[in-house]
Amino acid sequence: MSLDARERLIVALDAPSVKAAGAMAARLGDSVWFYKIGYQLAFAGGLSLAAELIAAGKQVFLDLKLHDIGNTVTKGVESIARLGELVIDADVVNQERQVVVMARNLRLQGYDAVVEGHAAHSAGIG
């Protein structure tokens, strides 16, 4: 299967403000489908921009490297999931099974949650 450039490209919205990142996304328009929002923008109000991009049909990767005890990560991911369909990276301290439980809980709430990578392998589902 061949993907066009728009489907393979992830643009990092590494900007100091929502205004600057929003302007970048507006300039790129339909030429970009997938955006990454990291710490700087997320903590500057970028979660609202993530919701706007998702509502506009864009794919968003929240690169927040969520890493804490299982319950804390689970509750944070549940809050983030309310933004809409997106990709996140989450890990829990020595509790790979908790990532699987988190995904199950999200699916029970109607979200399409997928577990990939180390946690899935360690939990025997990858």
Protein backbone atom coordinates (compact mmCIF):
# COMPACT_ATOMS: atom_id res chain seq x y z
CA MET A 1 0.00 0.00 0.00
CA SER A 2 1.34 3.37 -1.00
CA LEU A 3 0.67 6.45 1.11
CA ASP A 4 0.82 9.95 -0.30
CA ALA A 5 3.07 12.54 1.35
CA ARG A 6 0.17 14.11 3.24
CA GLU A 7 -0.48 10.78 4.99
CA ARG A 8 3.18 10.15 5.85
CA LEU A 9 4.09 13.60 7.13
CA ILE A 10 3.64 14.63 10.77
CA VAL A 11 4.18 18.35 11.33
CA ALA A 12 5.43 19.34 14.77
CA LEU A 13 3.61 22.42 15.99
CA ASP A 14 6.57 23.40 18.15
CA ALA A 15 5.47 26.97 18.73
CA PRO A 16 5.40 29.06 21.91
CA SER A 17 1.71 29.96 21.62
CA VAL A 18 -1.60 28.67 20.34
CA LYS A 19 -1.83 31.73 18.09
CA ALA A 20 1.51 30.95 16.38
CA ALA A 21 0.73 27.22 16.05
CA GLY A 22 -2.77 27.93 14.75
CA ALA A 23 -1.34 30.32 12.16
CA MET A 24 1.11 27.63 11.04
CA ALA A 25 -1.66 25.07 10.70
CA ALA A 26 -3.80 27.58 8.78
CA ARG A 27 -0.93 28.31 6.34
CA LEU A 28 -0.42 24.58 5.75
CA GLY A 29 -4.14 23.99 5.21
CA ASP A 30 -5.10 20.80 3.43
CA SER A 31 -1.49 19.95 2.56
CA VAL A 32 -1.06 18.49 6.06
CA TRP A 33 -3.27 15.93 7.75
CA PHE A 34 -1.25 14.98 10.86
CA TYR A 35 0.13 17.28 13.58
CA LYS A 36 2.19 16.76 16.74
CA ILE A 37 1.66 18.87 19.84
CA GLY A 38 4.37 18.64 22.49
CA TYR A 39 4.91 19.99 25.98
CA GLN A 40 5.57 23.63 25.11
CA LEU A 41 2.39 24.12 23.12
CA ALA A 42 0.24 21.85 25.30
CA PHE A 43 1.13 23.84 28.40
CA ALA A 44 0.51 27.11 26.53
CA GLY A 45 -3.12 26.11 25.89
CA GLY A 46 -2.52 23.76 22.99
CA LEU A 47 -5.08 21.17 24.06
CA SER A 48 -7.80 23.49 22.78
CA LEU A 49 -5.95 23.68 19.45
CA ALA A 50 -5.77 19.88 19.40
CA ALA A 51 -9.56 19.75 19.77
CA GLU A 52 -9.96 22.30 16.94
CA LEU A 53 -7.67 20.33 14.64
CA ILE A 54 -9.51 17.09 15.39
CA ALA A 55 -12.86 18.78 14.72
CA ALA A 56 -11.42 19.93 11.36
CA GLY A 57 -10.67 16.32 10.44
CA LYS A 58 -6.95 16.38 11.24
CA GLN A 59 -5.03 13.66 13.10
CA VAL A 60 -3.22 14.80 16.28
CA PHE A 61 -0.38 13.18 18.21
CA LEU A 62 -0.10 14.53 21.75
CA ASP A 63 3.55 13.95 22.51
CA LEU A 64 3.30 14.41 26.26
CA LYS A 65 5.16 11.26 27.30
CA LEU A 66 2.68 10.50 30.08
CA HIS A 67 4.70 8.55 32.64
CA ASP A 68 3.53 7.99 36.18
CA ILE A 69 1.79 5.41 38.34
CA GLY A 70 -1.00 3.54 36.60
CA ASN A 71 -4.04 5.28 38.04
CA THR A 72 -2.60 8.75 37.39
CA VAL A 73 -1.83 7.96 33.75
CA THR A 74 -5.21 6.28 33.28
CA LYS A 75 -7.13 9.30 34.59
CA GLY A 76 -5.03 11.68 32.50
CA VAL A 77 -5.58 9.64 29.34
CA GLU A 78 -9.32 9.48 30.02
CA SER A 79 -9.39 13.30 30.19
CA ILE A 80 -7.33 13.66 27.02
CA ALA A 81 -9.54 11.17 25.16
CA ARG A 82 -12.47 13.57 25.48
CA LEU A 83 -10.74 15.82 22.94
CA GLY A 84 -11.49 13.35 20.16
CA GLU A 85 -9.57 10.85 18.07
CA LEU A 86 -5.86 11.28 18.64
CA VAL A 87 -2.59 9.50 19.26
CA ILE A 88 -0.81 9.74 22.61
CA ASP A 89 2.23 8.17 24.19
CA ALA A 90 1.72 6.84 27.69
CA ASP A 91 3.68 4.57 29.98
CA VAL A 92 3.24 3.55 33.57
CA VAL A 93 5.95 2.84 36.09
CA ASN A 94 6.49 -0.94 36.26
CA GLN A 95 2.84 -1.64 35.48
CA GLU A 96 2.53 -2.64 31.83
CA ARG A 97 -0.73 -4.42 32.64
CA GLN A 98 -2.21 -1.07 33.71
CA VAL A 99 -1.81 0.22 30.14
CA VAL A 100 -3.98 -2.66 28.96
CA VAL A 101 -6.56 -1.92 31.67
CA MET A 102 -6.50 1.74 30.63
CA ALA A 103 -7.21 0.81 27.01
CA ARG A 104 -10.03 -1.52 28.07
CA ASN A 105 -11.62 1.21 30.20
CA LEU A 106 -11.41 3.67 27.32
CA ARG A 107 -13.07 1.14 24.98
CA LEU A 108 -15.86 0.62 27.55
CA GLN A 109 -16.43 4.40 27.47
CA GLY A 110 -16.79 4.26 23.68
CA TYR A 111 -13.26 5.25 22.67
CA ASP A 112 -11.25 3.31 20.10
CA ALA A 113 -8.14 2.62 22.20
CA VAL A 114 -5.24 0.56 20.89
CA VAL A 115 -2.22 -0.58 22.89
CA GLU A 116 1.02 -0.98 20.98
CA GLY A 117 4.68 -1.32 21.77
CA HIS A 118 6.43 -2.51 24.92
CA ALA A 119 3.34 -2.53 27.16
CA ALA A 120 1.36 -4.65 24.73
CA HIS A 121 4.21 -7.10 24.35
CA SER A 122 4.81 -7.32 28.12
CA ALA A 123 1.12 -7.88 28.77
CA GLY A 124 1.01 -10.65 26.18
CA ILE A 125 -1.30 -8.89 23.72
CA GLY A 126 1.22 -7.51 21.22
